[in-house]
Amino acid sequence: MFGTQESLDRRQKILLTIAWASTMAPLAAFFFFSWQTYGLRKEVASSRQEVANSRAELMKTESAVDVLEARKQELEREIAVKQEDLARYRDLAGIRLRFYRESDRSLVQGVAKELQLTSELGTSPLIDSKPSALAYGSEVSEADQVAIAIAFVKAGFPLRTIGRAQRVSDAKLIQVIASKPAEQRCGLLTVAAIQAGKTCGEQRP
């Protein structure tokens, strides 16, 4: 009888254990998945905040780009107006370019077109010599000397020296000439050197 009672007690404990486990297992699973869901929600919220921050930064960048683009267009308009004013001044001043070799026509006329100047072909006993100098008349302003010299250098002209014309009476003429002394004592002028006021390229050793 005692054996039977002990057997019933064991069975009852087993059943209670099974019942407890059956009850706790879903609860454990519920808490586990609830915790995972909470973690995922935090990640989603963090990702959404990052996206919002990125959008805000993008909007700031786009706004800055718009401001810079507007400023660029404004500067381009100002430059265009100044170039038109300068072209009118040069036209009224009568400044023009003269070259002496037919082979230099394309380069000189390209510079003349850019600066809205007139150009002409002249004659010279040094017509077969390759030009490397600009000689300007007495009424050509320093600003024009610099602007024209820079335009020639940018166009690929091997400019070595810039100086006052000695034998031409036309005070408003800029000549594209050959210069043996320049070939001997001056190197090629650069845009930076011209802007710094140099009239002879860095001397050769």
C-alpha atoms as a PDB file:
ATOM      1  CA  MET A   1       0.000   0.000   0.000  1.00  0.00           C
ATOM      2  CA  PHE A   2       2.899   2.311   0.905  1.00  0.00           C
ATOM      3  CA  GLY A   3       4.597   1.424  -2.347  1.00  0.00           C
ATOM      4  CA  THR A   4       1.497   2.332  -4.263  1.00  0.00           C
ATOM      5  CA  GLN A   5       1.223   5.684  -2.426  1.00  0.00           C
ATOM      6  CA  GLU A   6       4.857   6.532  -3.166  1.00  0.00           C
ATOM      7  CA  SER A   7       4.314   5.690  -6.811  1.00  0.00           C
ATOM      8  CA  LEU A   8       1.290   7.987  -6.933  1.00  0.00           C
ATOM      9  CA  ASP A   9       3.271  10.783  -5.255  1.00  0.00           C
ATOM     10  CA  ARG A  10       6.063  10.442  -7.793  1.00  0.00           C
ATOM     11  CA  ARG A  11       3.586  10.500 -10.657  1.00  0.00           C
ATOM     12  CA  GLN A  12       1.882  13.515  -9.175  1.00  0.00           C
ATOM     13  CA  LYS A  13       5.228  15.355  -8.854  1.00  0.00           C
ATOM     14  CA  ILE A  14       6.109  14.453 -12.429  1.00  0.00           C
ATOM     15  CA  LEU A  15       2.752  15.706 -13.647  1.00  0.00           C
ATOM     16  CA  LEU A  16       3.151  18.923 -11.647  1.00  0.00           C
ATOM     17  CA  THR A  17       6.638  19.400 -13.070  1.00  0.00           C
ATOM     18  CA  ILE A  18       5.370  18.822 -16.586  1.00  0.00           C
ATOM     19  CA  ALA A  19       2.495  21.246 -15.988  1.00  0.00           C
ATOM     20  CA  TRP A  20       4.884  23.877 -14.589  1.00  0.00           C
ATOM     21  CA  ALA A  21       7.248  23.440 -17.502  1.00  0.00           C
ATOM     22  CA  SER A  22       4.356  23.647 -19.931  1.00  0.00           C
ATOM     23  CA  THR A  23       3.293  26.894 -18.328  1.00  0.00           C
ATOM     24  CA  MET A  24       6.749  28.453 -18.045  1.00  0.00           C
ATOM     25  CA  ALA A  25       8.021  27.534 -21.521  1.00  0.00           C
ATOM     26  CA  PRO A  26       5.567  29.835 -23.349  1.00  0.00           C
ATOM     27  CA  LEU A  27       6.275  32.579 -20.816  1.00  0.00           C
ATOM     28  CA  ALA A  28      10.017  32.209 -21.361  1.00  0.00           C
ATOM     29  CA  ALA A  29       9.501  32.285 -25.117  1.00  0.00           C
ATOM     30  CA  PHE A  30       7.279  35.341 -24.730  1.00  0.00           C
ATOM     31  CA  PHE A  31       9.883  37.222 -22.685  1.00  0.00           C
ATOM     32  CA  PHE A  32      12.651  36.196 -25.081  1.00  0.00           C
ATOM     33  CA  PHE A  33      10.830  37.389 -28.186  1.00  0.00           C
ATOM     34  CA  SER A  34       9.631  40.501 -26.352  1.00  0.00           C
ATOM     35  CA  TRP A  35      13.248  41.367 -25.548  1.00  0.00           C
ATOM     36  CA  GLN A  36      14.292  40.771 -29.158  1.00  0.00           C
ATOM     37  CA  THR A  37      11.416  42.923 -30.371  1.00  0.00           C
ATOM     38  CA  TYR A  38      12.473  45.705 -28.004  1.00  0.00           C
ATOM     39  CA  GLY A  39      16.038  45.512 -29.320  1.00  0.00           C
ATOM     40  CA  LEU A  40      14.859  45.595 -32.916  1.00  0.00           C
ATOM     41  CA  ARG A  41      12.638  48.587 -32.192  1.00  0.00           C
ATOM     42  CA  LYS A  42      15.620  50.427 -30.727  1.00  0.00           C
ATOM     43  CA  GLU A  43      17.672  49.610 -33.830  1.00  0.00           C
ATOM     44  CA  VAL A  44      14.864  50.759 -36.108  1.00  0.00           C
ATOM     45  CA  ALA A  45      14.479  54.002 -34.127  1.00  0.00           C
ATOM     46  CA  SER A  46      18.242  54.580 -34.277  1.00  0.00           C
ATOM     47  CA  SER A  47      18.278  53.905 -38.028  1.00  0.00           C
ATOM     48  CA  ARG A  48      15.377  56.305 -38.553  1.00  0.00           C
ATOM     49  CA  GLN A  49      17.244  58.992 -36.607  1.00  0.00           C
ATOM     50  CA  GLU A  50      20.352  58.421 -38.692  1.00  0.00           C
ATOM     51  CA  VAL A  51      18.295  58.723 -41.873  1.00  0.00           C
ATOM     52  CA  ALA A  52      16.720  61.938 -40.562  1.00  0.00           C
ATOM     53  CA  ASN A  53      20.150  63.336 -39.679  1.00  0.00           C
ATOM     54  CA  SER A  54      21.485  62.364 -43.105  1.00  0.00           C
ATOM     55  CA  ARG A  55      18.544  64.079 -44.795  1.00  0.00           C
ATOM     56  CA  ALA A  56      19.147  67.210 -42.744  1.00  0.00           C
ATOM     57  CA  GLU A  57      22.841  67.231 -43.661  1.00  0.00           C
ATOM     58  CA  LEU A  58      21.953  66.626 -47.312  1.00  0.00           C
ATOM     59  CA  MET A  59      19.528  69.541 -47.254  1.00  0.00           C
ATOM     60  CA  LYS A  60      22.219  71.756 -45.730  1.00  0.00           C
ATOM     61  CA  THR A  61      24.708  70.632 -48.394  1.00  0.00           C
ATOM     62  CA  GLU A  62      22.207  71.204 -51.196  1.00  0.00           C
ATOM     63  CA  SER A  63      21.451  74.630 -49.771  1.00  0.00           C
ATOM     64  CA  ALA A  64      25.155  75.475 -49.629  1.00  0.00           C
ATOM     65  CA  VAL A  65      25.593  74.251 -53.217  1.00  0.00           C
ATOM     66  CA  ASP A  66      22.673  76.428 -54.309  1.00  0.00           C
ATOM     67  CA  VAL A  67      24.255  79.447 -52.616  1.00  0.00           C
ATOM     68  CA  LEU A  68      27.621  78.763 -54.261  1.00  0.00           C
ATOM     69  CA  GLU A  69      26.008  78.246 -57.663  1.00  0.00           C
ATOM     70  CA  ALA A  70      24.105  81.523 -57.318  1.00  0.00           C
ATOM     71  CA  ARG A  71      27.326  83.302 -56.331  1.00  0.00           C
ATOM     72  CA  LYS A  72      29.137  81.707 -59.288  1.00  0.00           C
ATOM     73  CA  GLN A  73      26.480  82.929 -61.698  1.00  0.00           C
ATOM     74  CA  GLU A  74      26.603  86.391 -60.125  1.00  0.00           C
ATOM     75  CA  LEU A  75      30.398  86.517 -60.550  1.00  0.00           C
ATOM     76  CA  GLU A  76      30.126  85.308 -64.140  1.00  0.00           C
ATOM     77  CA  ARG A  77      27.664  88.113 -64.868  1.00  0.00           C
ATOM     78  CA  GLU A  78      29.982  90.643 -63.237  1.00  0.00           C
ATOM     79  CA  ILE A  79      32.945  89.328 -65.263  1.00  0.00           C
ATOM     80  CA  ALA A  80      30.919  89.501 -68.477  1.00  0.00           C
ATOM     81  CA  VAL A  81      29.956  93.109 -67.747  1.00  0.00           C
ATOM     82  CA  LYS A  82      33.559  94.034 -66.942  1.00  0.00           C
ATOM     83  CA  GLN A  83      34.789  92.324 -70.118  1.00  0.00           C
ATOM     84  CA  GLU A  84      32.234  94.266 -72.153  1.00  0.00           C
ATOM     85  CA  ASP A  85      33.319  97.513 -70.496  1.00  0.00           C
ATOM     86  CA  LEU A  86      36.963  96.657 -71.118  1.00  0.00           C
ATOM     87  CA  ALA A  87      36.240  95.772 -74.736  1.00  0.00           C
ATOM     88  CA  ARG A  88      34.468  99.113 -75.241  1.00  0.00           C
ATOM     89  CA  TYR A  89      37.395 100.918 -73.654  1.00  0.00           C
ATOM     90  CA  ARG A  90      39.912  99.137 -75.888  1.00  0.00           C
ATOM     91  CA  ASP A  91      37.790  99.837 -78.930  1.00  0.00           C
ATOM     92  CA  LEU A  92      37.639 103.532 -78.063  1.00  0.00           C
ATOM     93  CA  ALA A  93      41.330 103.563 -77.161  1.00  0.00           C
ATOM     94  CA  GLY A  94      42.215 102.084 -80.564  1.00  0.00           C
ATOM     95  CA  ILE A  95      44.575  99.434 -79.172  1.00  0.00           C
ATOM     96  CA  ARG A  96      45.417  96.762 -81.752  1.00  0.00           C
ATOM     97  CA  LEU A  97      47.836  93.905 -82.352  1.00  0.00           C
ATOM     98  CA  ARG A  98      50.311  93.609 -85.219  1.00  0.00           C
ATOM     99  CA  PHE A  99      52.080  90.396 -86.171  1.00  0.00           C
ATOM    100  CA  TYR A 100      54.613  89.781 -88.946  1.00  0.00           C
ATOM    101  CA  ARG A 101      54.381  86.104 -89.921  1.00  0.00           C
ATOM    102  CA  GLU A 102      51.438  84.512 -91.645  1.00  0.00           C
ATOM    103  CA  SER A 103      52.030  81.388 -89.576  1.00  0.00           C
ATOM    104  CA  ASP A 104      51.232  83.386 -86.422  1.00  0.00           C
ATOM    105  CA  ARG A 105      47.867  84.578 -87.720  1.00  0.00           C
ATOM    106  CA  SER A 106      45.752  81.915 -86.043  1.00  0.00           C
ATOM    107  CA  LEU A 107      47.277  82.419 -82.583  1.00  0.00           C
ATOM    108  CA  VAL A 108      47.250  86.224 -82.710  1.00  0.00           C
ATOM    109  CA  GLN A 109      43.707  86.422 -84.043  1.00  0.00           C
ATOM    110  CA  GLY A 110      42.594  83.986 -81.336  1.00  0.00           C
ATOM    111  CA  VAL A 111      44.011  86.309 -78.662  1.00  0.00           C
ATOM    112  CA  ALA A 112      42.510  89.340 -80.411  1.00  0.00           C
ATOM    113  CA  LYS A 113      39.095  87.692 -80.499  1.00  0.00           C
ATOM    114  CA  GLU A 114      39.269  86.764 -76.822  1.00  0.00           C
ATOM    115  CA  LEU A 115      40.178  90.330 -75.825  1.00  0.00           C
ATOM    116  CA  GLN A 116      38.006  91.909 -78.518  1.00  0.00           C
ATOM    117  CA  LEU A 117      40.914  93.685 -80.193  1.00  0.00           C
ATOM    118  CA  THR A 118      41.723  94.189 -83.843  1.00  0.00           C
ATOM    119  CA  SER A 119      44.806  92.620 -85.405  1.00  0.00           C
ATOM    120  CA  GLU A 120      46.785  93.174 -88.586  1.00  0.00           C
ATOM    121  CA  LEU A 121      49.638  91.613 -90.547  1.00  0.00           C
ATOM    122  CA  GLY A 122      52.699  93.807 -90.956  1.00  0.00           C
ATOM    123  CA  THR A 123      56.043  93.517 -92.736  1.00  0.00           C
ATOM    124  CA  SER A 124      59.449  93.184 -91.153  1.00  0.00           C
ATOM    125  CA  PRO A 125      63.002  92.245 -92.202  1.00  0.00           C
ATOM    126  CA  LEU A 126      62.867  89.639 -89.414  1.00  0.00           C
ATOM    127  CA  ILE A 127      59.781  87.999 -90.890  1.00  0.00           C
ATOM    128  CA  ASP A 128      61.371  84.543 -90.844  1.00  0.00           C
ATOM    129  CA  SER A 129      62.354  84.799 -87.177  1.00  0.00           C
ATOM    130  CA  LYS A 130      60.133  83.178 -84.608  1.00  0.00           C
ATOM    131  CA  PRO A 131      58.534  85.836 -82.377  1.00  0.00           C
ATOM    132  CA  SER A 132      59.035  85.724 -78.620  1.00  0.00           C
ATOM    133  CA  ALA A 133      58.342  89.269 -77.458  1.00  0.00           C
ATOM    134  CA  LEU A 134      55.599  91.869 -77.171  1.00  0.00           C
ATOM    135  CA  ALA A 135      56.461  95.528 -77.809  1.00  0.00           C
ATOM    136  CA  TYR A 136      53.843  98.070 -76.760  1.00  0.00           C
ATOM    137  CA  GLY A 137      53.269 101.712 -77.559  1.00  0.00           C
ATOM    138  CA  SER A 138      53.461 104.509 -75.024  1.00  0.00           C
ATOM    139  CA  GLU A 139      49.685 104.812 -74.608  1.00  0.00           C
ATOM    140  CA  VAL A 140      49.032 101.155 -73.824  1.00  0.00           C
ATOM    141  CA  SER A 141      48.173 100.943 -70.130  1.00  0.00           C
ATOM    142  CA  GLU A 142      49.994  98.632 -67.769  1.00  0.00           C
ATOM    143  CA  ALA A 143      46.734  96.741 -67.126  1.00  0.00           C
ATOM    144  CA  ASP A 144      46.373  96.087 -70.857  1.00  0.00           C
ATOM    145  CA  GLN A 145      49.998  95.016 -71.144  1.00  0.00           C
ATOM    146  CA  VAL A 146      49.465  92.424 -68.406  1.00  0.00           C
ATOM    147  CA  ALA A 147      46.100  91.179 -69.709  1.00  0.00           C
ATOM    148  CA  ILE A 148      47.355  90.820 -73.284  1.00  0.00           C
ATOM    149  CA  ALA A 149      50.621  89.151 -72.252  1.00  0.00           C
ATOM    150  CA  ILE A 150      48.727  86.627 -70.104  1.00  0.00           C
ATOM    151  CA  ALA A 151      46.343  85.883 -72.975  1.00  0.00           C
ATOM    152  CA  PHE A 152      49.303  85.186 -75.284  1.00  0.00           C
ATOM    153  CA  VAL A 153      50.952  82.849 -72.759  1.00  0.00           C
ATOM    154  CA  LYS A 154      47.700  80.949 -72.192  1.00  0.00           C
ATOM    155  CA  ALA A 155      47.321  80.608 -75.969  1.00  0.00           C
ATOM    156  CA  GLY A 156      50.708  78.862 -76.146  1.00  0.00           C
ATOM    157  CA  PHE A 157      52.847  81.762 -77.375  1.00  0.00           C
ATOM    158  CA  PRO A 158      56.516  81.385 -76.235  1.00  0.00           C
ATOM    159  CA  LEU A 159      56.694  84.821 -74.628  1.00  0.00           C
ATOM    160  CA  ARG A 160      60.087  85.751 -73.214  1.00  0.00           C
ATOM    161  CA  THR A 161      59.932  89.514 -72.773  1.00  0.00           C
ATOM    162  CA  ILE A 162      57.552  92.490 -72.698  1.00  0.00           C
ATOM    163  CA  GLY A 163      58.872  95.980 -73.405  1.00  0.00           C
ATOM    164  CA  ARG A 164      58.301  99.440 -74.811  1.00  0.00           C
ATOM    165  CA  ALA A 165      58.514  99.689 -78.600  1.00  0.00           C
ATOM    166  CA  GLN A 166      61.551 101.701 -79.665  1.00  0.00           C
ATOM    167  CA  ARG A 167      61.020 102.543 -83.342  1.00  0.00           C
ATOM    168  CA  VAL A 168      57.252 102.577 -83.920  1.00  0.00           C
ATOM    169  CA  SER A 169      55.473 105.904 -83.550  1.00  0.00           C
ATOM    170  CA  ASP A 170      52.012 104.375 -83.074  1.00  0.00           C
ATOM    171  CA  ALA A 171      51.406 104.775 -79.340  1.00  0.00           C
ATOM    172  CA  LYS A 172      48.440 102.385 -79.293  1.00  0.00           C
ATOM    173  CA  LEU A 173      50.045  99.452 -81.100  1.00  0.00           C
ATOM    174  CA  ILE A 174      51.202  96.183 -79.562  1.00  0.00           C
ATOM    175  CA  GLN A 175      53.614  94.252 -81.794  1.00  0.00           C
ATOM    176  CA  VAL A 176      54.341  90.532 -81.780  1.00  0.00           C
ATOM    177  CA  ILE A 177      58.021  90.476 -82.660  1.00  0.00           C
ATOM    178  CA  ALA A 178      61.201  88.437 -82.708  1.00  0.00           C
ATOM    179  CA  SER A 179      63.877  89.515 -80.247  1.00  0.00           C
ATOM    180  CA  LYS A 180      67.390  88.091 -80.355  1.00  0.00           C
ATOM    181  CA  PRO A 181      68.370  89.665 -77.005  1.00  0.00           C
ATOM    182  CA  ALA A 182      65.276  88.076 -75.414  1.00  0.00           C
ATOM    183  CA  GLU A 183      66.251  84.697 -76.813  1.00  0.00           C
ATOM    184  CA  GLN A 184      69.706  85.077 -75.278  1.00  0.00           C
ATOM    185  CA  ARG A 185      68.909  86.430 -71.823  1.00  0.00           C
ATOM    186  CA  CYS A 186      65.291  85.553 -70.978  1.00  0.00           C
ATOM    187  CA  GLY A 187      63.490  82.307 -70.302  1.00  0.00           C
ATOM    188  CA  LEU A 188      59.805  81.763 -70.918  1.00  0.00           C
ATOM    189  CA  LEU A 189      57.436  84.003 -68.983  1.00  0.00           C
ATOM    190  CA  THR A 190      54.669  82.387 -66.962  1.00  0.00           C
ATOM    191  CA  VAL A 191      51.278  83.790 -65.991  1.00  0.00           C
ATOM    192  CA  ALA A 192      52.411  84.069 -62.372  1.00  0.00           C
ATOM    193  CA  ALA A 193      55.581  85.935 -63.383  1.00  0.00           C
ATOM    194  CA  ILE A 194      53.608  88.398 -65.512  1.00  0.00           C
ATOM    195  CA  GLN A 195      51.128  88.989 -62.683  1.00  0.00           C
ATOM    196  CA  ALA A 196      54.098  89.643 -60.393  1.00  0.00           C
ATOM    197  CA  GLY A 197      55.287  92.401 -62.734  1.00  0.00           C
ATOM    198  CA  LYS A 198      58.091  90.498 -64.474  1.00  0.00           C
ATOM    199  CA  THR A 199      58.905  91.566 -68.038  1.00  0.00           C
ATOM    200  CA  CYS A 200      61.652  89.030 -68.728  1.00  0.00           C
ATOM    201  CA  GLY A 201      61.374  85.306 -68.107  1.00  0.00           C
ATOM    202  CA  GLU A 202      63.665  83.666 -65.583  1.00  0.00           C
ATOM    203  CA  GLN A 203      67.159  84.073 -66.920  1.00  0.00           C
ATOM    204  CA  ARG A 204      69.027  81.091 -68.199  1.00  0.00           C
ATOM    205  CA  PRO A 205      72.126  80.017 -66.229  1.00  0.00           C
END
